[in-house]
Amino acid sequence: MLTERLPDARCLDLLQNFIDSVDVTSRMPRSQWLMVPGLDVYVRRGFHLIEGDLTACLDLASLNATPMRKGIGTRFITAAHEMNPWRVTYIESVLNPHLVRWLDRNDWMRIESMAPSYYKLKD
């Protein structure tokens, strides 16, 4: 019997396709919506000033998981960071207080603003 794949696993397949499509020699940002039932993520290969250097990053600019509070979004963030080929994963303008607490607990660096953003360096 076939089992349905989790939304974050299907979205990770789309993320890999996005990563593979990026021209790494270009300084232009590239973005795309990754949409599967249960998870929509707006991703971008962007550039941010991280620890004094303009750095290519995998940006997670919007993430909407349904149902909420089931770990779908945090599993996606963890896996996306692991598969990220660039030096930094950047999560932009976090509005969800539960996600803020999760990022703080999991060693993401906070950038204070009206809605904090976070980044994490690759090991």
N, C-alpha and C. Protein backbone atom coordinates (compact mmCIF):
# COMPACT_ATOMS: atom_id res chain seq x y z
N MET A 1 0.84 -1.19 0.00
CA MET A 1 0.00 0.00 0.00
C MET A 1 0.88 1.24 0.00
N LEU A 2 0.55 2.20 -0.86
CA LEU A 2 1.30 3.45 -0.93
C LEU A 2 0.85 4.37 0.20
N THR A 3 1.82 5.02 0.83
CA THR A 3 1.48 6.02 1.84
C THR A 3 1.74 7.40 1.27
N GLU A 4 0.92 8.35 1.66
CA GLU A 4 1.10 9.72 1.18
C GLU A 4 2.33 10.34 1.84
N ARG A 5 3.14 11.01 1.04
CA ARG A 5 4.33 11.68 1.57
C ARG A 5 3.92 12.93 2.34
N LEU A 6 4.69 13.25 3.34
CA LEU A 6 4.43 14.45 4.13
C LEU A 6 4.61 15.69 3.26
N PRO A 7 3.85 16.77 3.55
CA PRO A 7 3.98 17.99 2.74
C PRO A 7 5.40 18.53 2.70
N ASP A 8 6.12 18.46 3.83
CA ASP A 8 7.47 19.01 3.84
C ASP A 8 8.41 18.19 2.95
N ALA A 9 8.21 16.88 2.85
CA ALA A 9 9.04 16.06 1.97
C ALA A 9 8.80 16.42 0.50
N ARG A 10 7.55 16.61 0.13
CA ARG A 10 7.23 16.99 -1.25
C ARG A 10 7.78 18.38 -1.56
N CYS A 11 7.69 19.27 -0.59
CA CYS A 11 8.20 20.63 -0.79
C CYS A 11 9.73 20.63 -0.90
N LEU A 12 10.39 19.72 -0.19
CA LEU A 12 11.85 19.61 -0.29
C LEU A 12 12.27 19.18 -1.69
N ASP A 13 11.47 18.33 -2.34
CA ASP A 13 11.76 17.98 -3.73
C ASP A 13 11.73 19.22 -4.61
N LEU A 14 10.73 20.08 -4.40
CA LEU A 14 10.64 21.33 -5.16
C LEU A 14 11.80 22.26 -4.83
N LEU A 15 12.21 22.28 -3.56
CA LEU A 15 13.35 23.10 -3.17
C LEU A 15 14.61 22.64 -3.88
N GLN A 16 14.82 21.33 -3.96
CA GLN A 16 16.01 20.83 -4.67
C GLN A 16 15.98 21.25 -6.13
N ASN A 17 14.81 21.19 -6.77
CA ASN A 17 14.68 21.65 -8.15
C ASN A 17 15.02 23.13 -8.27
N PHE A 18 14.56 23.95 -7.31
CA PHE A 18 14.88 25.37 -7.30
C PHE A 18 16.38 25.58 -7.17
N ILE A 19 17.01 24.92 -6.21
CA ILE A 19 18.46 25.05 -6.00
C ILE A 19 19.21 24.68 -7.26
N ASP A 20 18.81 23.59 -7.89
CA ASP A 20 19.49 23.14 -9.12
C ASP A 20 19.33 24.13 -10.26
N SER A 21 18.27 24.94 -10.24
CA SER A 21 18.01 25.87 -11.34
C SER A 21 18.72 27.22 -11.19
N VAL A 22 19.31 27.47 -10.03
CA VAL A 22 19.94 28.77 -9.78
C VAL A 22 21.29 28.86 -10.47
N ASP A 23 21.51 29.96 -11.18
CA ASP A 23 22.80 30.25 -11.79
C ASP A 23 23.71 30.83 -10.72
N VAL A 24 24.63 30.01 -10.22
CA VAL A 24 25.47 30.44 -9.10
C VAL A 24 26.45 31.55 -9.48
N THR A 25 26.65 31.79 -10.77
CA THR A 25 27.57 32.86 -11.18
C THR A 25 26.87 34.22 -11.20
N SER A 26 25.54 34.22 -11.12
CA SER A 26 24.78 35.46 -11.18
C SER A 26 24.68 36.10 -9.79
N ARG A 27 24.74 37.43 -9.75
CA ARG A 27 24.53 38.17 -8.50
C ARG A 27 23.07 38.60 -8.36
N MET A 28 22.24 38.20 -9.31
CA MET A 28 20.82 38.56 -9.26
C MET A 28 20.08 37.57 -8.37
N PRO A 29 19.21 38.08 -7.49
CA PRO A 29 18.39 37.17 -6.69
C PRO A 29 17.46 36.36 -7.60
N ARG A 30 17.13 35.19 -7.18
CA ARG A 30 16.16 34.35 -7.89
C ARG A 30 15.18 33.85 -6.85
N SER A 31 13.88 33.83 -7.19
CA SER A 31 12.88 33.44 -6.21
C SER A 31 11.81 32.57 -6.85
N GLN A 32 11.07 31.88 -5.97
CA GLN A 32 10.02 30.99 -6.45
C GLN A 32 9.12 30.59 -5.29
N TRP A 33 7.82 30.45 -5.56
CA TRP A 33 6.92 29.83 -4.60
C TRP A 33 7.01 28.33 -4.74
N LEU A 34 7.14 27.62 -3.63
CA LEU A 34 7.07 26.17 -3.58
C LEU A 34 5.74 25.84 -2.91
N MET A 35 4.83 25.20 -3.63
CA MET A 35 3.49 24.99 -3.10
C MET A 35 3.07 23.54 -3.25
N VAL A 36 2.75 22.92 -2.13
CA VAL A 36 2.14 21.60 -2.10
C VAL A 36 0.99 21.67 -1.08
N PRO A 37 0.01 20.80 -1.18
CA PRO A 37 -1.05 20.84 -0.16
C PRO A 37 -0.45 20.70 1.24
N GLY A 38 -0.75 21.67 2.10
CA GLY A 38 -0.27 21.66 3.47
C GLY A 38 0.96 22.50 3.72
N LEU A 39 1.63 22.98 2.67
CA LEU A 39 2.84 23.77 2.88
C LEU A 39 3.12 24.65 1.66
N ASP A 40 3.19 25.96 1.89
CA ASP A 40 3.59 26.93 0.87
C ASP A 40 4.80 27.68 1.40
N VAL A 41 5.86 27.74 0.60
CA VAL A 41 7.08 28.41 1.02
C VAL A 41 7.57 29.28 -0.13
N TYR A 42 7.85 30.56 0.16
CA TYR A 42 8.47 31.45 -0.81
C TYR A 42 9.97 31.44 -0.54
N VAL A 43 10.74 30.95 -1.51
CA VAL A 43 12.18 30.85 -1.34
C VAL A 43 12.89 31.79 -2.30
N ARG A 44 14.10 32.14 -1.93
CA ARG A 44 14.89 33.04 -2.76
C ARG A 44 16.36 32.72 -2.54
N ARG A 45 17.14 32.80 -3.60
CA ARG A 45 18.59 32.87 -3.42
C ARG A 45 18.87 34.36 -3.37
N GLY A 46 19.10 34.83 -2.17
CA GLY A 46 19.30 36.26 -1.97
C GLY A 46 20.68 36.55 -1.42
N PHE A 47 20.90 37.81 -1.13
CA PHE A 47 22.18 38.25 -0.57
C PHE A 47 21.89 39.13 0.65
N HIS A 48 22.60 38.86 1.74
CA HIS A 48 22.44 39.63 2.97
C HIS A 48 23.81 39.92 3.55
N LEU A 49 23.87 41.03 4.28
CA LEU A 49 25.09 41.37 5.01
C LEU A 49 25.10 40.52 6.28
N ILE A 50 25.93 39.50 6.31
CA ILE A 50 26.01 38.56 7.43
C ILE A 50 27.42 38.64 8.00
N GLU A 51 27.49 39.06 9.25
CA GLU A 51 28.76 39.15 9.96
C GLU A 51 29.81 39.92 9.14
N GLY A 52 29.35 41.03 8.53
CA GLY A 52 30.23 41.93 7.81
C GLY A 52 30.49 41.60 6.36
N ASP A 53 29.96 40.48 5.85
CA ASP A 53 30.18 40.08 4.46
C ASP A 53 28.86 39.98 3.72
N LEU A 54 28.82 40.47 2.47
CA LEU A 54 27.66 40.27 1.62
C LEU A 54 27.69 38.81 1.18
N THR A 55 26.69 38.06 1.60
CA THR A 55 26.73 36.61 1.50
C THR A 55 25.52 36.08 0.75
N ALA A 56 25.74 35.13 -0.16
CA ALA A 56 24.64 34.43 -0.81
C ALA A 56 23.94 33.56 0.23
N CYS A 57 22.62 33.62 0.24
CA CYS A 57 21.83 32.90 1.24
C CYS A 57 20.65 32.19 0.59
N LEU A 58 20.21 31.13 1.22
CA LEU A 58 18.90 30.58 0.92
C LEU A 58 17.92 31.30 1.82
N ASP A 59 17.04 32.10 1.23
CA ASP A 59 16.05 32.85 2.00
C ASP A 59 14.75 32.06 2.05
N LEU A 60 14.19 31.93 3.23
CA LEU A 60 12.83 31.44 3.42
C LEU A 60 12.04 32.68 3.81
N ALA A 61 11.35 33.25 2.83
CA ALA A 61 10.75 34.57 3.02
C ALA A 61 9.30 34.49 3.47
N SER A 62 8.65 33.39 3.25
CA SER A 62 7.28 33.18 3.72
C SER A 62 7.07 31.68 3.83
N LEU A 63 6.49 31.25 4.93
CA LEU A 63 6.24 29.83 5.14
C LEU A 63 4.88 29.69 5.79
N ASN A 64 3.98 28.98 5.12
CA ASN A 64 2.63 28.76 5.64
C ASN A 64 2.36 27.26 5.66
N ALA A 65 2.26 26.70 6.87
CA ALA A 65 2.00 25.27 7.03
C ALA A 65 0.62 25.07 7.63
N THR A 66 -0.12 24.10 7.09
CA THR A 66 -1.42 23.74 7.66
C THR A 66 -1.50 22.23 7.74
N PRO A 67 -1.93 21.69 8.86
CA PRO A 67 -2.32 22.42 10.05
C PRO A 67 -1.09 22.97 10.78
N MET A 68 -1.32 24.04 11.56
CA MET A 68 -0.21 24.63 12.32
C MET A 68 0.10 23.79 13.54
N ARG A 69 1.31 23.99 14.07
CA ARG A 69 1.78 23.38 15.32
C ARG A 69 1.89 21.86 15.24
N LYS A 70 2.20 21.35 14.04
CA LYS A 70 2.41 19.90 13.86
C LYS A 70 3.84 19.59 13.46
N GLY A 71 4.71 20.60 13.42
CA GLY A 71 6.11 20.38 13.09
C GLY A 71 6.43 20.39 11.61
N ILE A 72 5.44 20.64 10.77
CA ILE A 72 5.68 20.62 9.32
C ILE A 72 6.67 21.71 8.92
N GLY A 73 6.45 22.93 9.40
CA GLY A 73 7.32 24.05 9.04
C GLY A 73 8.72 23.90 9.61
N THR A 74 8.83 23.47 10.86
CA THR A 74 10.16 23.34 11.46
C THR A 74 10.94 22.19 10.85
N ARG A 75 10.26 21.11 10.48
CA ARG A 75 10.96 20.02 9.76
C ARG A 75 11.47 20.52 8.41
N PHE A 76 10.65 21.32 7.73
CA PHE A 76 11.08 21.87 6.44
C PHE A 76 12.29 22.78 6.63
N ILE A 77 12.25 23.67 7.62
CA ILE A 77 13.36 24.59 7.86
C ILE A 77 14.65 23.81 8.14
N THR A 78 14.58 22.81 9.00
CA THR A 78 15.76 22.01 9.34
C THR A 78 16.34 21.33 8.12
N ALA A 79 15.48 20.68 7.34
CA ALA A 79 15.96 19.98 6.15
C ALA A 79 16.45 20.95 5.08
N ALA A 80 15.76 22.08 4.93
CA ALA A 80 16.19 23.08 3.93
C ALA A 80 17.58 23.61 4.29
N HIS A 81 17.83 23.85 5.56
CA HIS A 81 19.16 24.32 5.98
C HIS A 81 20.22 23.26 5.67
N GLU A 82 19.92 22.00 5.92
CA GLU A 82 20.87 20.93 5.65
C GLU A 82 21.20 20.81 4.16
N MET A 83 20.21 20.99 3.30
CA MET A 83 20.45 20.82 1.86
C MET A 83 20.88 22.11 1.16
N ASN A 84 20.89 23.21 1.87
CA ASN A 84 21.28 24.51 1.33
C ASN A 84 22.74 24.48 0.86
N PRO A 85 23.01 24.78 -0.42
CA PRO A 85 24.39 24.75 -0.92
C PRO A 85 25.16 26.03 -0.62
N TRP A 86 24.47 27.08 -0.14
CA TRP A 86 25.12 28.34 0.14
C TRP A 86 25.53 28.41 1.61
N ARG A 87 26.21 29.44 1.99
CA ARG A 87 26.82 29.54 3.32
C ARG A 87 25.81 29.78 4.44
N VAL A 88 24.67 30.39 4.11
CA VAL A 88 23.73 30.84 5.13
C VAL A 88 22.29 30.51 4.72
N THR A 89 21.49 30.14 5.71
CA THR A 89 20.04 30.07 5.55
C THR A 89 19.47 31.26 6.31
N TYR A 90 18.60 32.02 5.67
CA TYR A 90 18.05 33.27 6.21
C TYR A 90 16.53 33.16 6.23
N ILE A 91 15.94 33.39 7.39
CA ILE A 91 14.48 33.35 7.53
C ILE A 91 14.02 34.78 7.79
N GLU A 92 13.19 35.26 6.90
CA GLU A 92 12.84 36.68 6.86
C GLU A 92 11.56 36.98 7.63
N SER A 93 11.61 37.99 8.49
CA SER A 93 10.43 38.58 9.14
C SER A 93 9.50 37.54 9.75
N VAL A 94 9.93 36.93 10.83
CA VAL A 94 9.15 35.87 11.48
C VAL A 94 8.05 36.51 12.33
N LEU A 95 6.81 36.19 12.01
CA LEU A 95 5.65 36.75 12.71
C LEU A 95 5.05 35.78 13.72
N ASN A 96 5.30 34.50 13.58
CA ASN A 96 4.72 33.47 14.43
C ASN A 96 5.52 33.35 15.73
N PRO A 97 4.91 33.65 16.89
CA PRO A 97 5.66 33.59 18.15
C PRO A 97 6.17 32.19 18.49
N HIS A 98 5.46 31.15 18.07
CA HIS A 98 5.94 29.78 18.32
C HIS A 98 7.21 29.51 17.52
N LEU A 99 7.25 30.00 16.28
CA LEU A 99 8.45 29.82 15.45
C LEU A 99 9.61 30.64 16.00
N VAL A 100 9.34 31.84 16.50
CA VAL A 100 10.38 32.66 17.13
C VAL A 100 11.03 31.88 18.26
N ARG A 101 10.21 31.29 19.12
CA ARG A 101 10.77 30.51 20.25
C ARG A 101 11.57 29.31 19.76
N TRP A 102 11.08 28.62 18.73
CA TRP A 102 11.79 27.46 18.19
C TRP A 102 13.15 27.88 17.62
N LEU A 103 13.17 28.97 16.86
CA LEU A 103 14.42 29.44 16.28
C LEU A 103 15.41 29.85 17.37
N ASP A 104 14.92 30.54 18.40
CA ASP A 104 15.77 30.93 19.52
C ASP A 104 16.36 29.70 20.22
N ARG A 105 15.56 28.67 20.42
CA ARG A 105 16.02 27.45 21.10
C ARG A 105 17.00 26.64 20.25
N ASN A 106 16.94 26.81 18.94
CA ASN A 106 17.74 25.97 18.04
C ASN A 106 18.91 26.72 17.42
N ASP A 107 19.43 27.70 18.14
CA ASP A 107 20.70 28.36 17.80
C ASP A 107 20.69 29.14 16.50
N TRP A 108 19.55 29.68 16.10
CA TRP A 108 19.50 30.59 14.97
C TRP A 108 19.84 31.98 15.51
N MET A 109 20.58 32.75 14.73
CA MET A 109 20.98 34.10 15.13
C MET A 109 19.85 35.07 14.78
N ARG A 110 19.44 35.87 15.75
CA ARG A 110 18.33 36.81 15.56
C ARG A 110 18.85 38.15 15.06
N ILE A 111 18.13 38.71 14.10
CA ILE A 111 18.36 40.08 13.63
C ILE A 111 17.12 40.86 14.04
N GLU A 112 17.30 41.78 14.99
CA GLU A 112 16.15 42.50 15.54
C GLU A 112 15.60 43.51 14.53
N SER A 113 14.30 43.49 14.42
CA SER A 113 13.54 44.49 13.67
C SER A 113 12.10 44.37 14.15
N MET A 114 11.17 45.06 13.51
CA MET A 114 9.77 44.96 13.95
C MET A 114 9.32 43.51 13.98
N ALA A 115 9.66 42.76 12.96
CA ALA A 115 9.46 41.31 12.93
C ALA A 115 10.86 40.73 12.74
N PRO A 116 11.37 40.01 13.75
CA PRO A 116 12.77 39.58 13.66
C PRO A 116 13.00 38.62 12.49
N SER A 117 14.19 38.73 11.92
CA SER A 117 14.67 37.76 10.95
C SER A 117 15.74 36.93 11.63
N TYR A 118 16.04 35.80 11.06
CA TYR A 118 17.03 34.88 11.64
C TYR A 118 17.95 34.35 10.54
N TYR A 119 19.15 33.98 10.94
CA TYR A 119 20.04 33.29 10.00
C TYR A 119 20.83 32.24 10.75
N LYS A 120 21.33 31.28 9.97
CA LYS A 120 22.18 30.23 10.51
C LYS A 120 23.24 29.91 9.48
N LEU A 121 24.49 29.87 9.95
CA LEU A 121 25.62 29.52 9.08
C LEU A 121 25.65 28.01 8.90
N LYS A 122 26.12 27.59 7.74
CA LYS A 122 26.35 26.17 7.51
C LYS A 122 27.58 25.75 8.33
N ASP A 123 27.59 24.52 8.79
CA ASP A 123 28.75 24.01 9.56
C ASP A 123 29.99 23.92 8.71
